[in-house]
Amino acid sequence: MRPILIFLGIILMFIGFFIMTLGIFLPSHQEYKDTETEEDVEYSGIVMIGPIPIVFGNSPGLMMLSVLIAILMIIWIFLFAFGLKIK
């Protein structure tokens, strides 16, 4: 492996940690609304436990998108597991 790639990887990790630290300490510029008003928030997510996906959410459309992403992730995992190379 080339030393320049290792160096760039380490630099990218430090930049990521720095940005995350800034996000913790800098105040958000959002104005908080009253807690009495409720907005409908749609969410969906994927938890991968090995090659097994767990999909959750409250929006059918977003859950279908999450299932599609999970299928693509499973295909990606199997491609790497069996050593298939994409040309």
N, C-alpha and C. Protein backbone atom coordinates (compact mmCIF):
# COMPACT_ATOMS: atom_id res chain seq x y z
N MET A 1 0.85 -1.18 0.00
CA MET A 1 0.00 0.00 0.00
C MET A 1 0.89 1.24 0.00
N ARG A 2 0.44 2.24 -0.68
CA ARG A 2 1.22 3.46 -0.80
C ARG A 2 1.11 4.30 0.48
N PRO A 3 2.23 4.86 0.93
CA PRO A 3 2.20 5.68 2.16
C PRO A 3 1.33 6.92 2.03
N ILE A 4 1.21 7.47 0.82
CA ILE A 4 0.39 8.67 0.66
C ILE A 4 -1.08 8.38 0.93
N LEU A 5 -1.55 7.17 0.57
CA LEU A 5 -2.94 6.82 0.83
C LEU A 5 -3.19 6.65 2.32
N ILE A 6 -2.22 6.06 3.02
CA ILE A 6 -2.35 5.93 4.47
C ILE A 6 -2.39 7.30 5.12
N PHE A 7 -1.52 8.20 4.68
CA PHE A 7 -1.48 9.55 5.21
C PHE A 7 -2.80 10.28 4.95
N LEU A 8 -3.33 10.16 3.73
CA LEU A 8 -4.60 10.82 3.41
C LEU A 8 -5.76 10.24 4.22
N GLY A 9 -5.74 8.94 4.45
CA GLY A 9 -6.78 8.32 5.27
C GLY A 9 -6.76 8.84 6.70
N ILE A 10 -5.56 8.97 7.26
CA ILE A 10 -5.43 9.48 8.63
C ILE A 10 -5.89 10.94 8.70
N ILE A 11 -5.51 11.73 7.70
CA ILE A 11 -5.94 13.14 7.66
C ILE A 11 -7.45 13.24 7.57
N LEU A 12 -8.08 12.41 6.74
CA LEU A 12 -9.54 12.43 6.62
C LEU A 12 -10.22 12.05 7.94
N MET A 13 -9.64 11.10 8.67
CA MET A 13 -10.22 10.74 9.97
C MET A 13 -10.12 11.91 10.94
N PHE A 14 -8.99 12.61 10.97
CA PHE A 14 -8.86 13.75 11.86
C PHE A 14 -9.82 14.88 11.48
N ILE A 15 -10.00 15.11 10.20
CA ILE A 15 -10.95 16.13 9.75
C ILE A 15 -12.37 15.75 10.18
N GLY A 16 -12.72 14.47 10.06
CA GLY A 16 -14.04 14.02 10.49
C GLY A 16 -14.26 14.20 11.98
N PHE A 17 -13.26 13.82 12.78
CA PHE A 17 -13.38 14.02 14.23
C PHE A 17 -13.49 15.50 14.58
N PHE A 18 -12.75 16.35 13.86
CA PHE A 18 -12.80 17.78 14.12
C PHE A 18 -14.19 18.34 13.80
N ILE A 19 -14.76 17.93 12.68
CA ILE A 19 -16.10 18.40 12.30
C ILE A 19 -17.15 17.92 13.30
N MET A 20 -17.02 16.67 13.76
CA MET A 20 -17.97 16.16 14.76
C MET A 20 -17.84 16.94 16.07
N THR A 21 -16.62 17.27 16.46
CA THR A 21 -16.42 18.03 17.68
C THR A 21 -17.01 19.43 17.55
N LEU A 22 -16.83 20.05 16.40
CA LEU A 22 -17.44 21.36 16.17
C LEU A 22 -18.96 21.29 16.26
N GLY A 23 -19.54 20.23 15.72
CA GLY A 23 -20.99 20.07 15.76
C GLY A 23 -21.51 19.90 17.18
N ILE A 24 -20.69 19.35 18.06
CA ILE A 24 -21.11 19.19 19.45
C ILE A 24 -21.08 20.52 20.19
N PHE A 25 -20.04 21.31 19.96
CA PHE A 25 -19.84 22.51 20.77
C PHE A 25 -20.47 23.77 20.19
N LEU A 26 -20.67 23.84 18.90
CA LEU A 26 -21.29 25.03 18.33
C LEU A 26 -22.80 24.95 18.46
N PRO A 27 -23.43 26.05 18.79
CA PRO A 27 -24.90 26.00 18.94
C PRO A 27 -25.57 25.86 17.59
N SER A 28 -26.73 25.25 17.63
CA SER A 28 -27.51 25.08 16.42
C SER A 28 -28.20 26.40 16.07
N HIS A 29 -28.39 26.65 14.79
CA HIS A 29 -29.02 27.89 14.36
C HIS A 29 -30.51 27.73 14.14
N GLN A 30 -31.07 26.60 14.58
CA GLN A 30 -32.50 26.39 14.45
C GLN A 30 -33.22 27.07 15.60
N GLU A 31 -34.35 27.61 15.28
CA GLU A 31 -35.19 28.15 16.34
C GLU A 31 -36.14 27.06 16.77
N TYR A 32 -36.18 26.82 18.05
CA TYR A 32 -37.04 25.75 18.55
C TYR A 32 -38.48 26.23 18.61
N LYS A 33 -39.37 25.39 18.13
CA LYS A 33 -40.80 25.73 18.13
C LYS A 33 -41.42 25.28 19.45
N ASP A 34 -42.63 25.72 19.66
CA ASP A 34 -43.34 25.29 20.86
C ASP A 34 -43.55 23.79 20.83
N THR A 35 -43.54 23.19 22.00
CA THR A 35 -43.73 21.74 22.06
C THR A 35 -45.18 21.35 21.80
N GLU A 36 -46.09 22.32 21.81
CA GLU A 36 -47.49 22.01 21.58
C GLU A 36 -47.77 21.66 20.12
N THR A 37 -47.01 22.25 19.21
CA THR A 37 -47.24 21.96 17.79
C THR A 37 -46.46 20.71 17.42
N GLU A 38 -47.17 19.76 16.83
CA GLU A 38 -46.54 18.53 16.40
C GLU A 38 -46.53 18.46 14.89
N GLU A 39 -45.40 18.08 14.34
CA GLU A 39 -45.30 17.91 12.90
C GLU A 39 -45.19 16.42 12.61
N ASP A 40 -45.75 16.02 11.48
CA ASP A 40 -45.62 14.63 11.08
C ASP A 40 -44.23 14.42 10.51
N VAL A 41 -43.46 13.62 11.19
CA VAL A 41 -42.09 13.33 10.76
C VAL A 41 -42.06 11.89 10.27
N GLU A 42 -41.58 11.70 9.06
CA GLU A 42 -41.45 10.36 8.51
C GLU A 42 -40.00 9.93 8.65
N TYR A 43 -39.83 8.69 9.03
CA TYR A 43 -38.47 8.18 9.19
C TYR A 43 -38.43 6.72 8.78
N SER A 44 -37.23 6.28 8.49
CA SER A 44 -36.97 4.90 8.15
C SER A 44 -35.49 4.65 8.33
N GLY A 45 -35.12 3.42 8.65
CA GLY A 45 -33.72 3.12 8.85
C GLY A 45 -33.42 1.65 8.66
N ILE A 46 -32.12 1.37 8.60
CA ILE A 46 -31.65 0.00 8.43
C ILE A 46 -30.59 -0.27 9.49
N VAL A 47 -30.72 -1.42 10.13
CA VAL A 47 -29.67 -1.90 11.03
C VAL A 47 -29.16 -3.20 10.43
N MET A 48 -27.87 -3.24 10.12
CA MET A 48 -27.28 -4.45 9.55
C MET A 48 -26.58 -5.22 10.66
N ILE A 49 -27.01 -6.45 10.86
CA ILE A 49 -26.34 -7.36 11.80
C ILE A 49 -25.75 -8.46 10.92
N GLY A 50 -24.47 -8.27 10.59
CA GLY A 50 -23.85 -9.16 9.61
C GLY A 50 -24.52 -8.93 8.28
N PRO A 51 -24.90 -9.98 7.59
CA PRO A 51 -25.59 -9.80 6.31
C PRO A 51 -27.11 -9.70 6.45
N ILE A 52 -27.62 -9.65 7.68
CA ILE A 52 -29.06 -9.65 7.91
C ILE A 52 -29.53 -8.22 8.20
N PRO A 53 -30.40 -7.66 7.35
CA PRO A 53 -30.89 -6.31 7.59
C PRO A 53 -32.16 -6.31 8.45
N ILE A 54 -32.27 -5.29 9.29
CA ILE A 54 -33.49 -5.04 10.04
C ILE A 54 -33.95 -3.65 9.62
N VAL A 55 -35.11 -3.58 8.99
CA VAL A 55 -35.64 -2.32 8.47
C VAL A 55 -36.76 -1.85 9.37
N PHE A 56 -36.74 -0.56 9.72
CA PHE A 56 -37.80 0.00 10.57
C PHE A 56 -38.19 1.37 10.04
N GLY A 57 -39.37 1.84 10.44
CA GLY A 57 -39.81 3.16 10.03
C GLY A 57 -41.31 3.29 10.16
N ASN A 58 -41.80 4.50 9.84
CA ASN A 58 -43.24 4.74 9.91
C ASN A 58 -43.84 5.17 8.57
N SER A 59 -43.02 5.25 7.53
CA SER A 59 -43.49 5.65 6.22
C SER A 59 -43.31 4.50 5.24
N PRO A 60 -44.39 4.04 4.60
CA PRO A 60 -44.25 2.92 3.66
C PRO A 60 -43.32 3.24 2.50
N GLY A 61 -43.35 4.44 1.99
CA GLY A 61 -42.47 4.81 0.89
C GLY A 61 -41.00 4.79 1.28
N LEU A 62 -40.70 5.35 2.43
CA LEU A 62 -39.32 5.35 2.89
C LEU A 62 -38.86 3.94 3.27
N MET A 63 -39.78 3.12 3.77
CA MET A 63 -39.39 1.75 4.11
C MET A 63 -39.07 0.96 2.86
N MET A 64 -39.80 1.18 1.77
CA MET A 64 -39.47 0.50 0.51
C MET A 64 -38.10 0.94 0.00
N LEU A 65 -37.79 2.23 0.15
CA LEU A 65 -36.46 2.71 -0.22
C LEU A 65 -35.40 2.07 0.65
N SER A 66 -35.67 1.92 1.94
CA SER A 66 -34.72 1.28 2.85
C SER A 66 -34.53 -0.19 2.51
N VAL A 67 -35.61 -0.87 2.11
CA VAL A 67 -35.48 -2.28 1.70
C VAL A 67 -34.62 -2.37 0.45
N LEU A 68 -34.79 -1.46 -0.50
CA LEU A 68 -33.97 -1.46 -1.70
C LEU A 68 -32.50 -1.23 -1.35
N ILE A 69 -32.24 -0.29 -0.47
CA ILE A 69 -30.86 -0.04 -0.04
C ILE A 69 -30.30 -1.25 0.68
N ALA A 70 -31.11 -1.92 1.51
CA ALA A 70 -30.65 -3.12 2.21
C ALA A 70 -30.30 -4.23 1.24
N ILE A 71 -31.11 -4.40 0.20
CA ILE A 71 -30.82 -5.43 -0.81
C ILE A 71 -29.50 -5.11 -1.51
N LEU A 72 -29.29 -3.85 -1.86
CA LEU A 72 -28.03 -3.47 -2.49
C LEU A 72 -26.85 -3.70 -1.55
N MET A 73 -27.04 -3.43 -0.26
CA MET A 73 -25.96 -3.67 0.70
C MET A 73 -25.65 -5.16 0.84
N ILE A 74 -26.68 -6.00 0.81
CA ILE A 74 -26.47 -7.45 0.89
C ILE A 74 -25.71 -7.94 -0.33
N ILE A 75 -26.09 -7.45 -1.52
CA ILE A 75 -25.37 -7.82 -2.73
C ILE A 75 -23.92 -7.38 -2.63
N TRP A 76 -23.68 -6.19 -2.13
CA TRP A 76 -22.32 -5.66 -1.96
C TRP A 76 -21.51 -6.55 -1.02
N ILE A 77 -22.13 -6.96 0.10
CA ILE A 77 -21.44 -7.82 1.06
C ILE A 77 -21.08 -9.16 0.42
N PHE A 78 -22.00 -9.77 -0.32
CA PHE A 78 -21.72 -11.06 -0.94
C PHE A 78 -20.67 -10.94 -2.04
N LEU A 79 -20.67 -9.83 -2.77
CA LEU A 79 -19.62 -9.64 -3.78
C LEU A 79 -18.24 -9.63 -3.14
N PHE A 80 -18.10 -8.96 -2.01
CA PHE A 80 -16.82 -8.92 -1.34
C PHE A 80 -16.51 -10.23 -0.63
N ALA A 81 -17.52 -10.90 -0.10
CA ALA A 81 -17.29 -12.14 0.63
C ALA A 81 -16.79 -13.26 -0.28
N PHE A 82 -17.31 -13.31 -1.51
CA PHE A 82 -16.91 -14.36 -2.42
C PHE A 82 -15.82 -13.94 -3.39
N GLY A 83 -15.32 -12.74 -3.23
CA GLY A 83 -14.18 -12.29 -4.02
C GLY A 83 -14.49 -12.00 -5.47
N LEU A 84 -15.74 -11.70 -5.77
CA LEU A 84 -16.10 -11.36 -7.15
C LEU A 84 -15.65 -9.92 -7.44
N LYS A 85 -15.08 -9.74 -8.60
CA LYS A 85 -14.61 -8.41 -8.96
C LYS A 85 -15.51 -7.85 -10.06
N ILE A 86 -15.92 -6.60 -9.87
CA ILE A 86 -16.76 -5.92 -10.86
C ILE A 86 -15.82 -5.26 -11.88
N LYS A 87 -16.05 -5.55 -13.13
CA LYS A 87 -15.18 -4.97 -14.18
C LYS A 87 -15.92 -3.92 -14.95
